[in-house]
Amino acid sequence: MRVLSKRALREFWEVRPDAEEPLRRWYKATVEADWSNLAEVRKTFPHADTFGECTVFNIHGNDYRLIAKIKYSYGMVYLRFVLTHSEYDRDAWKSDC
């Protein structure tokens, strides 16, 4: 899969250094994947879930949430948000999904 954009990951872990390694692992696993549906995503990330057009990933023991839109037919993962759990709970991201 191709991930757009790694920059958002970097910007997040610069503020929250404990997220760097888990986000790097997520990125590596994602670019090595060839998903065609959510069931295949869950083989890599068992707790991935959907909301509207978005897929939500738990990061670093559920401390953070990564929200992406996956276009399976194009092999693209559009990174929308990386949030703390409290930011995620505010639901502002849902309007994008």
C-alpha atoms as a PDB file:
ATOM      1  CA  MET A   1       0.000   0.000   0.000  1.00  0.00           C
ATOM      2  CA  ARG A   2       1.113   3.566  -0.507  1.00  0.00           C
ATOM      3  CA  VAL A   3       0.677   5.888   2.486  1.00  0.00           C
ATOM      4  CA  LEU A   4      -0.028   9.593   2.091  1.00  0.00           C
ATOM      5  CA  SER A   5       1.430  11.321   4.117  1.00  0.00           C
ATOM      6  CA  LYS A   6       4.235  10.174   6.383  1.00  0.00           C
ATOM      7  CA  ARG A   7       4.818  13.813   7.296  1.00  0.00           C
ATOM      8  CA  ALA A   8       1.745  13.785   9.561  1.00  0.00           C
ATOM      9  CA  LEU A   9       3.194  10.818  11.441  1.00  0.00           C
ATOM     10  CA  ARG A  10       6.510  12.611  11.911  1.00  0.00           C
ATOM     11  CA  GLU A  11       4.823  15.778  13.123  1.00  0.00           C
ATOM     12  CA  PHE A  12       2.808  13.788  15.648  1.00  0.00           C
ATOM     13  CA  TRP A  13       5.773  11.884  17.091  1.00  0.00           C
ATOM     14  CA  GLU A  14       7.851  15.058  17.326  1.00  0.00           C
ATOM     15  CA  VAL A  15       5.298  16.290  19.881  1.00  0.00           C
ATOM     16  CA  ARG A  16       4.734  12.823  21.442  1.00  0.00           C
ATOM     17  CA  PRO A  17       8.003  10.884  21.212  1.00  0.00           C
ATOM     18  CA  ASP A  18       6.488   7.727  22.742  1.00  0.00           C
ATOM     19  CA  ALA A  19       4.382   7.406  19.592  1.00  0.00           C
ATOM     20  CA  GLU A  20       7.360   7.266  17.221  1.00  0.00           C
ATOM     21  CA  GLU A  21       8.118   3.551  17.351  1.00  0.00           C
ATOM     22  CA  PRO A  22       4.472   2.394  17.184  1.00  0.00           C
ATOM     23  CA  LEU A  23       3.790   4.754  14.280  1.00  0.00           C
ATOM     24  CA  ARG A  24       6.912   3.570  12.450  1.00  0.00           C
ATOM     25  CA  ARG A  25       5.718  -0.035  12.914  1.00  0.00           C
ATOM     26  CA  TRP A  26       2.269   0.887  11.595  1.00  0.00           C
ATOM     27  CA  TYR A  27       3.817   2.611   8.589  1.00  0.00           C
ATOM     28  CA  LYS A  28       6.167  -0.282   7.792  1.00  0.00           C
ATOM     29  CA  ALA A  29       3.402  -2.887   8.069  1.00  0.00           C
ATOM     30  CA  THR A  30       1.092  -0.772   5.924  1.00  0.00           C
ATOM     31  CA  VAL A  31       3.524  -0.115   3.064  1.00  0.00           C
ATOM     32  CA  GLU A  32       4.361  -3.826   2.986  1.00  0.00           C
ATOM     33  CA  ALA A  33       0.666  -4.795   2.826  1.00  0.00           C
ATOM     34  CA  ASP A  34      -1.545  -5.410  -0.182  1.00  0.00           C
ATOM     35  CA  TRP A  35      -5.009  -5.111   1.291  1.00  0.00           C
ATOM     36  CA  SER A  36      -8.197  -5.461  -0.695  1.00  0.00           C
ATOM     37  CA  ASN A  37     -10.724  -5.204   2.161  1.00  0.00           C
ATOM     38  CA  LEU A  38     -11.112  -4.684   5.911  1.00  0.00           C
ATOM     39  CA  ALA A  39     -10.755  -8.410   6.652  1.00  0.00           C
ATOM     40  CA  GLU A  40      -7.231  -8.283   5.212  1.00  0.00           C
ATOM     41  CA  VAL A  41      -6.436  -5.125   7.195  1.00  0.00           C
ATOM     42  CA  ARG A  42      -7.497  -6.995  10.340  1.00  0.00           C
ATOM     43  CA  LYS A  43      -5.011  -9.775   9.618  1.00  0.00           C
ATOM     44  CA  THR A  44      -2.315  -7.137  10.141  1.00  0.00           C
ATOM     45  CA  PHE A  45      -4.154  -4.941  12.653  1.00  0.00           C
ATOM     46  CA  PRO A  46      -6.796  -7.046  14.452  1.00  0.00           C
ATOM     47  CA  HIS A  47      -8.409  -4.084  16.216  1.00  0.00           C
ATOM     48  CA  ALA A  48      -8.865  -1.925  13.116  1.00  0.00           C
ATOM     49  CA  ASP A  49     -12.422  -0.749  12.702  1.00  0.00           C
ATOM     50  CA  THR A  50     -14.400   1.402  10.322  1.00  0.00           C
ATOM     51  CA  PHE A  51     -16.406   4.554  10.727  1.00  0.00           C
ATOM     52  CA  GLY A  52     -18.031   5.763   7.533  1.00  0.00           C
ATOM     53  CA  GLU A  53     -15.321   5.877   4.869  1.00  0.00           C
ATOM     54  CA  CYS A  54     -12.506   5.775   7.439  1.00  0.00           C
ATOM     55  CA  THR A  55     -10.529   3.027   9.087  1.00  0.00           C
ATOM     56  CA  VAL A  56      -9.494   3.599  12.700  1.00  0.00           C
ATOM     57  CA  PHE A  57      -6.300   2.032  14.048  1.00  0.00           C
ATOM     58  CA  ASN A  58      -5.330   1.765  17.716  1.00  0.00           C
ATOM     59  CA  ILE A  59      -1.735   2.892  18.251  1.00  0.00           C
ATOM     60  CA  HIS A  60       0.534   2.357  21.253  1.00  0.00           C
ATOM     61  CA  GLY A  61      -1.776   0.296  23.403  1.00  0.00           C
ATOM     62  CA  ASN A  62      -4.808   2.394  22.470  1.00  0.00           C
ATOM     63  CA  ASP A  63      -3.172   5.644  23.674  1.00  0.00           C
ATOM     64  CA  TYR A  64      -3.463   7.083  20.168  1.00  0.00           C
ATOM     65  CA  ARG A  65      -5.765   6.666  17.185  1.00  0.00           C
ATOM     66  CA  LEU A  66      -4.779   6.817  13.559  1.00  0.00           C
ATOM     67  CA  ILE A  67      -7.603   7.525  11.133  1.00  0.00           C
ATOM     68  CA  ALA A  68      -7.180   6.860   7.436  1.00  0.00           C
ATOM     69  CA  LYS A  69      -9.196   6.472   4.280  1.00  0.00           C
ATOM     70  CA  ILE A  70      -8.182   3.362   2.387  1.00  0.00           C
ATOM     71  CA  LYS A  71      -8.775   3.173  -1.344  1.00  0.00           C
ATOM     72  CA  TYR A  72      -8.232  -0.540  -1.848  1.00  0.00           C
ATOM     73  CA  SER A  73      -8.563  -0.490  -5.646  1.00  0.00           C
ATOM     74  CA  TYR A  74      -5.738   2.066  -5.899  1.00  0.00           C
ATOM     75  CA  GLY A  75      -3.570   0.625  -3.126  1.00  0.00           C
ATOM     76  CA  MET A  76      -3.651   3.967  -1.327  1.00  0.00           C
ATOM     77  CA  VAL A  77      -3.953   4.862   2.350  1.00  0.00           C
ATOM     78  CA  TYR A  78      -4.786   8.518   2.930  1.00  0.00           C
ATOM     79  CA  LEU A  79      -3.779   9.466   6.440  1.00  0.00           C
ATOM     80  CA  ARG A  80      -6.428  11.818   7.821  1.00  0.00           C
ATOM     81  CA  PHE A  81      -5.626  12.173  11.539  1.00  0.00           C
ATOM     82  CA  VAL A  82      -3.332  10.971  14.281  1.00  0.00           C
ATOM     83  CA  LEU A  83      -4.992  11.793  17.589  1.00  0.00           C
ATOM     84  CA  THR A  84      -4.596  11.291  21.286  1.00  0.00           C
ATOM     85  CA  HIS A  85      -7.364   9.239  22.843  1.00  0.00           C
ATOM     86  CA  SER A  86      -8.939  12.380  24.332  1.00  0.00           C
ATOM     87  CA  GLU A  87      -8.848  14.182  20.956  1.00  0.00           C
ATOM     88  CA  TYR A  88     -10.440  11.145  19.350  1.00  0.00           C
ATOM     89  CA  ASP A  89     -13.207  11.112  21.961  1.00  0.00           C
ATOM     90  CA  ARG A  90     -14.211  14.681  20.986  1.00  0.00           C
ATOM     91  CA  ASP A  91     -15.492  13.261  17.670  1.00  0.00           C
ATOM     92  CA  ALA A  92     -14.410  16.271  15.547  1.00  0.00           C
ATOM     93  CA  TRP A  93     -12.741  13.879  13.085  1.00  0.00           C
ATOM     94  CA  LYS A  94     -16.027  12.120  12.272  1.00  0.00           C
ATOM     95  CA  SER A  95     -17.208  14.827   9.868  1.00  0.00           C
ATOM     96  CA  ASP A  96     -14.305  13.902   7.556  1.00  0.00           C
ATOM     97  CA  CYS A  97     -15.390  10.275   7.367  1.00  0.00           C
END
